[in-house]
N, C-alpha and C. Protein backbone atom coordinates (compact mmCIF):
# COMPACT_ATOMS: atom_id res chain seq x y z
N MET A 1 124.01 79.64 130.88
CA MET A 1 122.37 79.46 130.60
C MET A 1 121.72 80.71 129.97
N PHE A 2 122.04 81.68 130.91
CA PHE A 2 120.92 82.73 130.73
C PHE A 2 121.54 83.30 129.28
N ARG A 3 122.87 83.23 129.13
CA ARG A 3 123.13 83.62 127.77
C ARG A 3 122.50 83.06 126.39
N SER A 4 122.40 81.71 126.85
CA SER A 4 121.94 81.19 125.85
C SER A 4 120.27 81.08 125.62
N LEU A 5 119.42 81.13 126.63
CA LEU A 5 118.25 81.69 126.60
C LEU A 5 118.10 82.98 125.96
N LEU A 6 118.86 83.83 125.97
CA LEU A 6 118.79 85.26 125.36
C LEU A 6 119.13 85.35 123.94
N LEU A 7 119.95 84.55 123.71
CA LEU A 7 120.31 84.11 122.26
C LEU A 7 118.99 83.65 121.60
N LEU A 8 118.58 82.23 122.17
CA LEU A 8 117.42 81.96 121.25
C LEU A 8 116.27 82.80 121.43
N ALA A 9 115.86 83.70 122.34
CA ALA A 9 114.84 84.34 122.00
C ALA A 9 115.30 85.57 120.98
N THR A 10 116.58 86.10 121.19
CA THR A 10 116.36 87.02 120.23
C THR A 10 116.37 86.54 118.71
N ILE A 11 116.94 85.04 118.47
CA ILE A 11 116.72 84.71 117.30
C ILE A 11 114.99 84.39 116.83
N THR A 12 114.46 84.00 118.21
CA THR A 12 113.08 83.48 117.91
C THR A 12 112.15 84.96 117.41
N MET A 13 112.51 86.10 118.12
CA MET A 13 111.78 87.35 117.84
C MET A 13 112.45 88.02 116.72
N THR A 14 113.75 87.57 116.18
CA THR A 14 113.90 87.92 114.78
C THR A 14 113.15 87.25 113.63
N LEU A 15 112.96 85.70 113.68
CA LEU A 15 112.23 84.97 112.94
C LEU A 15 110.75 85.45 112.76
N PHE A 16 110.13 85.62 113.99
CA PHE A 16 108.89 86.00 113.95
C PHE A 16 108.47 87.36 113.10
N ALA A 17 109.56 88.46 113.37
CA ALA A 17 109.68 89.52 112.65
C ALA A 17 109.72 89.75 111.26
N GLN A 18 110.12 88.58 110.60
CA GLN A 18 110.55 88.62 109.53
C GLN A 18 109.27 87.77 108.82
N LYS A 19 108.54 86.61 109.11
CA LYS A 19 107.40 85.89 108.90
C LYS A 19 106.57 86.71 108.01
N PRO A 20 106.64 86.02 106.48
CA PRO A 20 105.88 86.59 105.59
C PRO A 20 104.16 86.62 106.06
N LYS A 21 103.59 87.62 105.61
CA LYS A 21 102.10 87.70 105.64
C LYS A 21 101.69 86.67 105.19
N LEU A 22 100.02 85.97 105.26
CA LEU A 22 99.41 85.66 104.88
C LEU A 22 98.54 86.00 103.77
N PRO A 23 98.49 85.49 102.69
CA PRO A 23 97.82 86.21 101.67
C PRO A 23 96.27 86.86 102.23
N GLY A 24 96.00 88.18 101.33
CA GLY A 24 95.33 89.02 102.13
C GLY A 24 95.51 89.94 103.43
N GLU A 25 96.62 89.11 103.89
CA GLU A 25 96.94 90.24 104.95
C GLU A 25 97.92 91.46 104.87
N ASP A 26 98.39 91.46 103.77
CA ASP A 26 99.12 92.77 103.04
C ASP A 26 98.35 93.61 102.57
N TRP A 27 96.78 93.64 102.71
CA TRP A 27 96.48 94.55 102.09
C TRP A 27 96.05 95.82 103.42
N ILE A 28 96.17 97.01 103.06
CA ILE A 28 95.63 98.05 104.02
C ILE A 28 94.32 98.86 103.84
N GLN A 29 94.03 99.38 104.29
CA GLN A 29 92.99 100.19 104.47
C GLN A 29 93.54 101.84 104.03
N LEU A 30 93.13 102.39 102.89
CA LEU A 30 93.75 103.80 102.88
C LEU A 30 92.82 104.69 103.35
N PHE A 31 91.28 104.27 103.18
CA PHE A 31 90.32 105.33 104.03
C PHE A 31 89.98 104.49 105.21
N ASN A 32 89.73 104.94 106.19
CA ASN A 32 89.39 104.80 107.74
C ASN A 32 87.60 104.38 107.77
N GLY A 33 87.49 105.14 106.55
CA GLY A 33 85.63 105.38 106.58
C GLY A 33 85.09 106.37 107.56
N LYS A 34 85.96 107.11 108.43
CA LYS A 34 85.57 108.02 109.48
C LYS A 34 86.21 109.48 109.05
N ASP A 35 87.20 109.53 108.70
CA ASP A 35 87.99 111.07 108.52
C ASP A 35 88.64 110.65 107.56
N LEU A 36 89.43 112.05 106.99
CA LEU A 36 90.44 112.45 106.00
C LEU A 36 91.72 111.78 106.49
N ALA A 37 92.16 111.18 107.45
CA ALA A 37 93.30 110.79 108.28
C ALA A 37 94.12 110.23 107.04
N GLY A 38 95.35 110.45 106.26
CA GLY A 38 96.19 109.82 105.68
C GLY A 38 95.80 110.31 104.39
N TRP A 39 95.37 111.60 104.11
CA TRP A 39 95.10 112.28 102.88
C TRP A 39 95.36 113.47 102.93
N ASN A 40 95.63 114.20 102.10
CA ASN A 40 95.88 115.63 101.72
C ASN A 40 95.09 116.02 100.89
N ASN A 41 94.13 117.45 100.95
CA ASN A 41 93.46 118.08 100.15
C ASN A 41 94.28 118.76 99.04
N VAL A 42 94.37 118.95 97.97
CA VAL A 42 95.29 119.54 97.12
C VAL A 42 94.28 120.45 96.22
N GLY A 43 94.16 121.52 96.27
CA GLY A 43 93.17 122.76 95.63
C GLY A 43 92.29 123.09 96.44
N ASN A 44 91.01 123.56 96.04
CA ASN A 44 89.86 124.41 96.94
C ASN A 44 88.60 123.78 96.90
N GLU A 45 88.86 122.19 96.21
CA GLU A 45 87.57 121.34 96.50
C GLU A 45 86.88 121.14 97.91
N LYS A 46 86.17 120.35 97.89
CA LYS A 46 85.40 120.21 99.16
C LYS A 46 85.61 118.43 99.30
N TRP A 47 86.26 117.86 100.14
CA TRP A 47 86.30 116.59 100.47
C TRP A 47 85.68 116.38 101.95
N THR A 48 84.64 115.30 102.18
CA THR A 48 84.43 115.20 103.50
C THR A 48 84.09 113.11 103.53
N ALA A 49 84.45 112.74 104.96
CA ALA A 49 84.14 111.63 105.07
C ALA A 49 83.10 111.43 106.05
N ALA A 50 82.25 110.48 105.82
CA ALA A 50 80.85 110.08 106.76
C ALA A 50 80.59 108.67 106.59
N ASP A 51 80.06 107.96 107.64
CA ASP A 51 79.30 106.81 107.29
C ASP A 51 80.09 105.86 106.29
N GLY A 52 81.39 105.67 106.16
CA GLY A 52 82.43 104.94 105.41
C GLY A 52 82.29 105.29 103.93
N ILE A 53 81.80 106.48 103.71
CA ILE A 53 82.13 107.21 102.19
C ILE A 53 83.21 108.46 102.21
N LEU A 54 83.61 108.43 101.03
CA LEU A 54 84.59 109.58 101.13
C LEU A 54 83.86 110.29 100.11
N HIS A 55 83.64 111.82 100.18
CA HIS A 55 82.69 112.25 99.16
C HIS A 55 83.55 113.88 98.61
N GLY A 56 83.63 113.77 97.07
CA GLY A 56 84.51 115.10 96.78
C GLY A 56 83.29 115.90 96.05
N GLN A 57 83.17 117.00 96.41
CA GLN A 57 82.17 117.85 95.42
C GLN A 57 82.80 119.28 94.98
N ALA A 58 82.91 119.35 93.87
CA ALA A 58 83.25 120.67 93.43
C ALA A 58 82.55 121.83 94.06
N VAL A 59 83.33 123.12 94.20
CA VAL A 59 82.74 124.01 94.90
C VAL A 59 83.48 125.34 94.32
N THR A 60 84.52 125.16 93.18
CA THR A 60 84.96 126.12 92.31
C THR A 60 85.14 125.55 90.77
N LYS A 61 85.45 125.96 89.91
CA LYS A 61 85.63 125.62 88.64
C LYS A 61 86.80 125.16 88.33
N SER A 62 87.75 124.65 89.34
CA SER A 62 89.50 124.31 89.25
C SER A 62 89.46 122.92 89.45
N TYR A 63 90.79 122.25 89.26
CA TYR A 63 90.78 120.86 89.61
C TYR A 63 90.87 120.94 90.61
N GLY A 64 90.51 119.61 91.34
CA GLY A 64 90.76 119.23 93.02
C GLY A 64 91.16 117.77 93.08
N TYR A 65 92.11 117.53 94.22
CA TYR A 65 92.68 116.21 94.55
C TYR A 65 92.61 116.07 95.65
N LEU A 66 92.46 114.82 95.99
CA LEU A 66 92.83 114.08 97.46
C LEU A 66 93.77 113.22 97.33
N GLN A 67 94.84 113.53 97.99
CA GLN A 67 96.16 112.74 97.68
C GLN A 67 96.62 112.01 98.96
N THR A 68 97.17 110.65 98.89
CA THR A 68 98.06 110.25 100.20
C THR A 68 98.84 111.02 100.53
N ASP A 69 99.22 110.73 101.60
CA ASP A 69 100.52 111.41 102.72
C ASP A 69 101.58 110.61 101.89
N LYS A 70 101.52 109.36 101.60
CA LYS A 70 102.57 108.41 101.64
C LYS A 70 102.74 108.44 100.02
N LEU A 71 104.13 107.97 99.63
CA LEU A 71 104.40 107.65 98.25
C LEU A 71 104.19 106.41 97.90
N TYR A 72 103.71 105.59 96.63
CA TYR A 72 103.51 104.38 96.35
C TYR A 72 104.04 104.12 94.53
N LYS A 73 104.89 103.33 94.85
CA LYS A 73 105.75 102.96 93.58
C LYS A 73 104.86 101.69 92.62
N ASP A 74 104.81 100.66 93.36
CA ASP A 74 104.47 99.47 92.82
C ASP A 74 102.91 99.15 93.80
N PHE A 75 102.12 98.96 93.26
CA PHE A 75 100.88 98.58 94.15
C PHE A 75 99.40 98.06 93.49
N GLN A 76 98.87 97.62 94.27
CA GLN A 76 97.55 96.97 93.53
C GLN A 76 96.39 97.53 94.30
N MET A 77 95.82 98.36 93.91
CA MET A 77 94.46 99.13 94.88
C MET A 77 93.08 98.54 94.39
N ALA A 78 92.05 98.69 95.55
CA ALA A 78 90.85 98.18 95.02
C ALA A 78 90.18 99.19 95.92
N VAL A 79 89.25 99.72 94.91
CA VAL A 79 88.16 100.79 95.58
C VAL A 79 86.93 100.91 94.81
N LYS A 80 85.99 101.22 95.50
CA LYS A 80 84.68 101.45 95.19
C LYS A 80 84.26 102.97 94.64
N PHE A 81 83.47 103.28 93.37
CA PHE A 81 82.96 104.78 93.21
C PHE A 81 81.83 104.68 92.42
N LYS A 82 81.59 105.62 92.86
CA LYS A 82 80.08 106.09 92.16
C LYS A 82 79.86 107.57 92.08
N CYS A 83 79.47 107.67 90.28
CA CYS A 83 79.62 109.27 89.86
C CYS A 83 78.14 110.18 89.92
N GLU A 84 78.24 111.18 90.88
CA GLU A 84 76.72 111.30 91.32
C GLU A 84 76.71 112.90 90.72
N GLY A 85 77.49 113.21 89.96
CA GLY A 85 77.78 114.48 88.93
C GLY A 85 77.95 113.97 87.62
N ASP A 86 78.05 115.38 86.79
CA ASP A 86 78.09 115.24 85.42
C ASP A 86 79.62 115.43 85.11
N GLY A 87 80.89 115.52 86.19
CA GLY A 87 81.90 116.12 85.48
C GLY A 87 82.63 114.27 85.95
N ASN A 88 83.83 114.64 85.07
CA ASN A 88 84.49 113.26 85.19
C ASN A 88 85.92 113.20 86.25
N SER A 89 86.36 111.82 86.42
CA SER A 89 87.44 111.81 87.69
C SER A 89 88.39 110.90 87.40
N GLY A 90 89.22 110.49 88.36
CA GLY A 90 90.16 109.21 87.92
C GLY A 90 91.56 109.11 89.19
N VAL A 91 91.47 108.16 89.12
CA VAL A 91 92.62 107.34 90.07
C VAL A 91 94.16 107.50 89.61
N PHE A 92 94.73 108.99 90.42
CA PHE A 92 95.99 109.32 90.06
C PHE A 92 97.05 108.22 90.70
N PHE A 93 98.12 108.05 89.74
CA PHE A 93 99.30 107.48 90.33
C PHE A 93 100.93 108.16 89.96
N HIS A 94 101.68 107.61 90.90
CA HIS A 94 102.87 108.72 90.58
C HIS A 94 102.87 109.89 90.53
N THR A 95 101.99 110.64 91.67
CA THR A 95 101.72 111.76 91.24
C THR A 95 102.29 112.76 91.98
N ALA A 96 102.64 114.17 91.60
CA ALA A 96 103.18 115.14 92.42
C ALA A 96 102.43 116.44 91.73
N PHE A 97 102.73 117.33 92.32
CA PHE A 97 101.71 118.63 92.18
C PHE A 97 102.65 119.87 92.30
N GLN A 98 102.42 120.91 91.15
CA GLN A 98 103.20 121.83 91.58
C GLN A 98 103.09 122.76 93.12
N PRO A 99 103.96 123.16 93.66
CA PRO A 99 104.38 123.53 95.04
C PRO A 99 102.68 124.70 95.04
N GLY A 100 101.54 124.29 96.49
CA GLY A 100 100.86 125.61 96.61
C GLY A 100 99.59 125.48 95.32
N THR A 101 99.63 124.44 94.66
CA THR A 101 98.65 124.51 93.05
C THR A 101 98.10 123.14 93.09
N PRO A 102 96.91 123.16 92.58
CA PRO A 102 96.20 121.66 92.16
C PRO A 102 97.01 121.57 90.31
N ASP A 103 97.81 122.07 90.24
CA ASP A 103 98.60 121.75 88.68
C ASP A 103 99.48 120.66 89.19
N VAL A 104 98.95 119.49 87.91
CA VAL A 104 99.90 117.81 87.91
C VAL A 104 101.45 118.43 87.47
N SER A 105 102.47 118.00 88.48
CA SER A 105 103.37 117.78 87.62
C SER A 105 104.23 116.73 86.74
N GLN A 106 103.77 115.64 87.41
CA GLN A 106 103.55 114.32 87.01
C GLN A 106 102.75 113.43 87.42
N GLY A 107 102.28 112.31 86.69
CA GLY A 107 101.43 111.25 87.16
C GLY A 107 100.61 110.93 85.80
N LEU A 108 100.20 109.53 86.07
CA LEU A 108 99.22 109.18 85.37
C LEU A 108 98.07 108.83 85.91
N GLN A 109 96.78 108.71 84.88
CA GLN A 109 95.92 108.17 85.88
C GLN A 109 94.89 107.23 85.23
N PHE A 110 94.00 106.51 85.87
CA PHE A 110 93.01 105.49 85.86
C PHE A 110 91.71 106.37 85.27
N GLU A 111 91.29 106.28 84.25
CA GLU A 111 89.95 107.15 84.22
C GLU A 111 88.96 106.73 84.82
N ILE A 112 88.23 107.87 85.03
CA ILE A 112 86.65 107.35 85.75
C ILE A 112 85.83 108.49 84.85
N ASP A 113 84.87 108.11 84.11
CA ASP A 113 83.77 108.86 83.70
C ASP A 113 82.62 107.97 83.28
N CYS A 114 81.61 108.63 83.97
CA CYS A 114 80.43 107.47 84.37
C CYS A 114 79.32 108.62 82.81
N THR A 115 79.36 109.51 82.86
CA THR A 115 78.49 110.50 82.07
C THR A 115 78.67 109.98 80.61
N MET A 116 79.90 110.40 80.11
CA MET A 116 79.98 109.79 78.97
C MET A 116 80.15 108.13 78.00
N MET A 117 80.28 107.37 79.54
CA MET A 117 80.83 106.46 79.38
C MET A 117 82.11 106.24 78.61
N ARG A 118 82.98 107.15 78.40
CA ARG A 118 84.13 107.32 77.47
C ARG A 118 85.50 106.96 78.30
N HIS A 119 86.00 105.71 78.14
CA HIS A 119 87.52 105.55 78.61
C HIS A 119 87.94 105.06 79.74
N THR A 120 86.42 104.76 80.73
CA THR A 120 86.80 104.62 81.83
C THR A 120 87.69 103.23 81.99
N GLY A 121 88.55 103.32 82.82
CA GLY A 121 89.78 102.08 82.64
C GLY A 121 91.10 102.42 81.76
N GLY A 122 91.17 103.59 81.11
CA GLY A 122 92.22 103.86 80.21
C GLY A 122 93.02 104.52 81.01
N ILE A 123 94.35 105.05 80.31
CA ILE A 123 95.51 105.78 81.31
C ILE A 123 95.36 107.24 80.29
N TYR A 124 95.58 108.16 81.00
CA TYR A 124 95.69 109.46 80.66
C TYR A 124 97.00 110.26 81.52
N GLY A 125 97.30 110.99 80.89
CA GLY A 125 98.50 112.30 81.87
C GLY A 125 99.82 112.12 81.21
N ASP A 126 100.46 112.70 82.39
CA ASP A 126 102.05 113.06 82.17
C ASP A 126 102.28 113.72 80.81
N GLY A 127 101.70 114.59 80.75
CA GLY A 127 101.27 115.63 79.30
C GLY A 127 101.36 114.81 78.13
N ARG A 128 100.88 113.60 78.07
CA ARG A 128 101.21 112.81 77.01
C ARG A 128 99.31 112.49 76.09
N GLY A 129 98.49 113.15 76.96
CA GLY A 129 97.27 112.63 76.65
C GLY A 129 96.65 111.27 76.88
N TRP A 130 96.02 110.67 76.06
CA TRP A 130 95.31 109.60 76.10
C TRP A 130 96.68 108.40 75.86
N VAL A 131 97.00 107.56 76.83
CA VAL A 131 98.30 106.45 76.75
C VAL A 131 97.43 105.39 76.12
N VAL A 132 96.29 104.76 76.72
CA VAL A 132 95.81 103.31 76.21
C VAL A 132 94.42 103.96 76.62
N TRP A 133 92.99 102.97 75.64
CA TRP A 133 91.92 103.02 75.79
C TRP A 133 91.58 101.49 75.86
N PRO A 134 90.41 101.60 76.72
CA PRO A 134 89.94 99.87 76.82
C PRO A 134 89.29 99.76 75.50
N ALA A 135 89.07 98.25 75.39
CA ALA A 135 88.54 97.98 74.19
C ALA A 135 86.95 98.54 73.87
N PRO A 136 86.73 98.80 72.53
CA PRO A 136 85.92 99.86 72.64
C PRO A 136 84.43 98.53 72.85
N GLU A 137 84.26 97.40 72.91
CA GLU A 137 83.31 96.83 73.55
C GLU A 137 82.97 96.86 75.08
N ASN A 138 84.00 97.66 75.64
CA ASN A 138 84.02 97.36 77.21
C ASN A 138 83.76 98.95 77.74
N GLU A 139 83.50 99.90 76.40
CA GLU A 139 83.08 101.28 77.12
C GLU A 139 81.98 101.18 78.18
N THR A 140 81.28 100.34 78.13
CA THR A 140 79.83 100.50 78.72
C THR A 140 79.94 99.71 79.95
N VAL A 141 80.90 98.89 79.97
CA VAL A 141 81.12 98.36 81.32
C VAL A 141 80.95 99.20 82.35
N VAL A 142 81.11 100.54 82.90
CA VAL A 142 80.79 101.31 83.77
C VAL A 142 79.44 101.91 84.15
N ARG A 143 79.48 101.71 85.44
CA ARG A 143 77.98 101.85 85.38
C ARG A 143 77.41 103.29 86.16
N ARG A 144 76.31 103.67 85.08
CA ARG A 144 76.08 104.96 85.84
C ARG A 144 75.08 105.14 87.18
N ASP A 145 75.08 106.10 87.96
CA ASP A 145 74.25 106.28 88.90
C ASP A 145 74.55 104.91 90.06
N ASP A 146 75.38 104.16 90.39
CA ASP A 146 75.76 103.10 90.97
C ASP A 146 77.21 102.67 91.01
N TRP A 147 77.42 101.64 92.09
CA TRP A 147 78.52 101.64 92.70
C TRP A 147 79.30 100.60 91.58
N ASN A 148 80.38 101.12 91.14
CA ASN A 148 81.51 100.62 90.38
C ASN A 148 82.69 99.73 91.10
N GLU A 149 83.27 98.84 90.94
CA GLU A 149 84.44 98.55 91.30
C GLU A 149 85.67 98.16 90.54
N TYR A 150 86.49 98.74 91.54
CA TYR A 150 87.76 98.88 90.48
C TYR A 150 88.88 98.25 91.30
N LEU A 151 89.67 97.65 90.42
CA LEU A 151 90.85 96.76 90.64
C LEU A 151 92.07 97.04 89.51
N LEU A 152 92.94 97.72 90.50
CA LEU A 152 94.24 98.80 89.62
C LEU A 152 95.45 98.21 90.14
N THR A 153 96.40 97.58 89.20
CA THR A 153 97.84 97.30 89.16
C THR A 153 98.71 98.07 88.84
N VAL A 154 99.72 98.45 89.48
CA VAL A 154 101.08 99.35 88.49
C VAL A 154 102.17 98.30 89.36
N VAL A 155 102.79 98.21 88.42
CA VAL A 155 104.33 97.54 88.68
C VAL A 155 105.00 97.65 87.59
N GLY A 156 106.45 98.60 88.25
CA GLY A 156 106.93 99.29 87.09
C GLY A 156 106.00 100.12 85.95
N ASN A 157 106.45 99.82 84.72
CA ASN A 157 105.79 100.72 83.77
C ASN A 157 104.61 99.60 83.12
N ARG A 158 104.15 98.95 83.90
CA ARG A 158 102.72 97.89 83.68
C ARG A 158 101.72 98.26 84.35
N TYR A 159 100.59 98.62 84.04
CA TYR A 159 99.27 99.00 84.40
C TYR A 159 98.23 98.23 83.92
N ILE A 160 97.55 97.85 85.16
CA ILE A 160 96.48 96.96 84.67
C ILE A 160 94.95 97.30 85.47
N ALA A 161 94.11 97.50 84.39
CA ALA A 161 92.62 97.48 85.36
C ALA A 161 91.63 96.46 85.01
N ARG A 162 90.92 96.49 85.97
CA ARG A 162 89.45 95.96 86.30
C ARG A 162 88.44 96.43 86.71
N LEU A 163 87.54 96.32 85.63
CA LEU A 163 86.30 97.43 86.11
C LEU A 163 85.39 96.55 86.41
N ASN A 164 84.29 96.23 87.12
CA ASN A 164 83.16 95.32 87.54
C ASN A 164 83.64 94.28 87.31
N GLY A 165 84.72 93.69 87.34
CA GLY A 165 85.26 92.25 87.08
C GLY A 165 85.49 92.06 85.75
N VAL A 166 85.60 93.25 84.88
CA VAL A 166 85.75 93.03 83.35
C VAL A 166 87.48 93.64 83.40
N PRO A 167 88.20 92.89 82.67
CA PRO A 167 89.53 93.22 82.09
C PRO A 167 89.57 94.21 81.17
N MET A 168 89.95 95.48 81.76
CA MET A 168 90.04 96.84 80.82
C MET A 168 91.47 97.14 79.92
N ILE A 169 92.38 97.32 80.50
CA ILE A 169 93.63 97.23 80.08
C ILE A 169 94.62 96.38 80.71
N ASP A 170 95.41 96.16 80.12
CA ASP A 170 96.91 95.41 80.89
C ASP A 170 98.06 95.86 79.52
N PHE A 171 98.67 97.01 80.13
CA PHE A 171 99.74 97.81 79.17
C PHE A 171 100.93 97.81 79.76
N THR A 172 101.95 97.87 78.65
CA THR A 172 103.04 97.85 79.40
C THR A 172 103.44 99.36 78.48
N ASP A 173 103.96 100.29 79.24
CA ASP A 173 104.34 101.34 78.80
C ASP A 173 105.58 101.58 78.17
N PRO A 174 105.77 101.92 77.02
CA PRO A 174 107.27 102.01 76.39
C PRO A 174 107.82 103.06 76.62
N SER A 175 107.73 104.05 77.08
CA SER A 175 107.80 105.36 77.75
C SER A 175 107.51 106.14 78.70
N PRO A 176 107.62 105.51 80.13
CA PRO A 176 106.72 106.00 80.57
C PRO A 176 107.73 107.22 81.45
N ARG A 177 107.33 108.57 82.33
CA ARG A 177 107.96 109.35 82.79
C ARG A 177 107.71 109.80 84.28
N SER A 178 106.89 108.98 84.65
CA SER A 178 106.98 109.12 86.49
C SER A 178 106.97 107.66 87.05
N PHE A 179 107.59 107.53 87.81
CA PHE A 179 107.92 106.27 88.22
C PHE A 179 107.42 105.73 90.02
N ASP A 180 107.25 107.17 90.58
CA ASP A 180 107.27 107.02 91.97
C ASP A 180 106.35 108.40 92.25
N GLY A 181 105.29 108.46 93.57
CA GLY A 181 104.48 109.41 93.79
C GLY A 181 103.38 108.95 94.78
N THR A 182 102.52 110.14 95.04
CA THR A 182 101.11 110.16 95.82
C THR A 182 100.25 108.90 94.77
N ILE A 183 99.21 108.45 95.09
CA ILE A 183 97.81 108.26 94.75
C ILE A 183 97.01 109.32 95.18
N ALA A 184 96.27 109.69 94.21
CA ALA A 184 95.46 111.08 94.11
C ALA A 184 93.85 110.78 93.42
N LEU A 185 93.12 110.88 94.62
CA LEU A 185 91.78 111.12 93.71
C LEU A 185 91.24 112.38 92.63
N GLN A 186 90.58 112.11 91.85
CA GLN A 186 90.49 113.53 91.19
C GLN A 186 88.82 114.05 90.85
N LEU A 187 88.92 115.54 90.87
CA LEU A 187 87.51 116.10 90.88
C LEU A 187 87.98 116.75 89.25
N HIS A 188 87.37 116.67 88.52
CA HIS A 188 87.89 117.54 87.23
C HIS A 188 87.24 118.92 87.26
N ALA A 189 88.41 119.60 86.46
CA ALA A 189 87.69 121.11 86.46
C ALA A 189 86.41 121.19 85.38
N GLY A 190 85.66 122.25 86.27
CA GLY A 190 84.38 122.67 85.43
C GLY A 190 83.31 122.79 86.51
N GLY A 191 83.27 122.42 87.56
CA GLY A 191 82.47 122.88 88.86
C GLY A 191 81.37 121.77 89.16
N HIS A 192 81.75 120.41 88.27
CA HIS A 192 80.35 119.84 88.15
C HIS A 192 80.97 118.57 89.05
N GLY A 193 81.64 118.32 89.26
CA GLY A 193 82.32 117.09 90.17
C GLY A 193 81.57 116.65 91.39
N ASN A 194 81.39 115.37 91.02
CA ASN A 194 80.58 115.10 92.56
C ASN A 194 80.74 113.42 92.38
N MET A 195 81.55 113.15 93.39
CA MET A 195 82.44 111.81 93.37
C MET A 195 81.98 111.24 94.72
N LYS A 196 81.76 109.74 95.12
CA LYS A 196 82.04 109.15 96.14
C LYS A 196 82.51 107.90 95.66
N PHE A 197 83.60 107.65 97.05
CA PHE A 197 84.51 106.59 97.13
C PHE A 197 84.23 106.05 98.55
N LYS A 198 84.38 104.61 97.97
CA LYS A 198 84.58 103.88 99.60
C LYS A 198 85.11 102.48 99.29
N GLU A 199 85.60 101.52 100.62
CA GLU A 199 86.25 100.48 100.73
C GLU A 199 87.48 100.56 100.03
N ILE A 200 88.28 101.62 100.27
CA ILE A 200 89.76 101.99 99.70
C ILE A 200 90.71 101.11 99.90
N TRP A 201 91.30 100.01 99.54
CA TRP A 201 92.24 99.55 100.35
C TRP A 201 93.46 99.15 99.06
N LEU A 202 94.84 98.84 99.97
CA LEU A 202 95.82 98.60 98.98
C LEU A 202 96.94 97.73 99.32
N ARG A 203 97.16 97.02 98.14
CA ARG A 203 98.52 96.42 98.74
C ARG A 203 99.80 96.89 98.05
N ASP A 204 100.82 97.15 99.28
CA ASP A 204 101.79 98.03 98.86
C ASP A 204 102.75 96.98 98.31
N LEU A 205 103.27 97.22 96.67
CA LEU A 205 104.44 95.88 96.52
C LEU A 205 105.74 96.83 96.11
N THR A 206 106.07 98.18 96.80
CA THR A 206 107.17 99.03 96.41
C THR A 206 108.31 98.20 97.11
N LYS A 207 109.59 98.09 96.37
CA LYS A 207 110.41 97.66 97.36
C LYS A 207 111.41 98.75 97.17
N ARG A 208 112.22 99.61 98.06
CA ARG A 208 112.78 100.78 97.87
C ARG A 208 114.09 100.47 98.46
């Protein structure tokens, strides 16, 4: 009798552990709103966290990044951003850096450029320059001096971006060069970076 109860309990615990999450329950917070836990500073730029806002400020003329301490291959990511300086930014993925430097060795970015309204939502990087631009009629979707909502999806070599509810790109990369790595928020070189991020959520779709 005891062995039967023990077996039943083991089976029940196993089934409970394997219970799939309901829609929405598989999203996790990448930024806790209080500090930089789960993130690493790459470079010498200033990153602070307070009152639910992640703030990146340029203090040198070099590139600066704040990267996750975990790797993500496939994912969906929701983030709100606000440009307060005249430098541009981006959300890098499949990212790696040269040891001890802010030099990107691999990775693409979803562009953020509020100042020039130039290709926000497009894909750039991996030594290839621009990979894909949003449609010309969507170049002004980004809001200057206000919060913007980004919804980004990376599954294999397919990259999707929505900005303020507008589809910007849905691109299948015919020649990808990177497939796994960190996610990193960028401050562009030049000393004018002043970016704010908040409500950063991620749905990890990676199967390793």
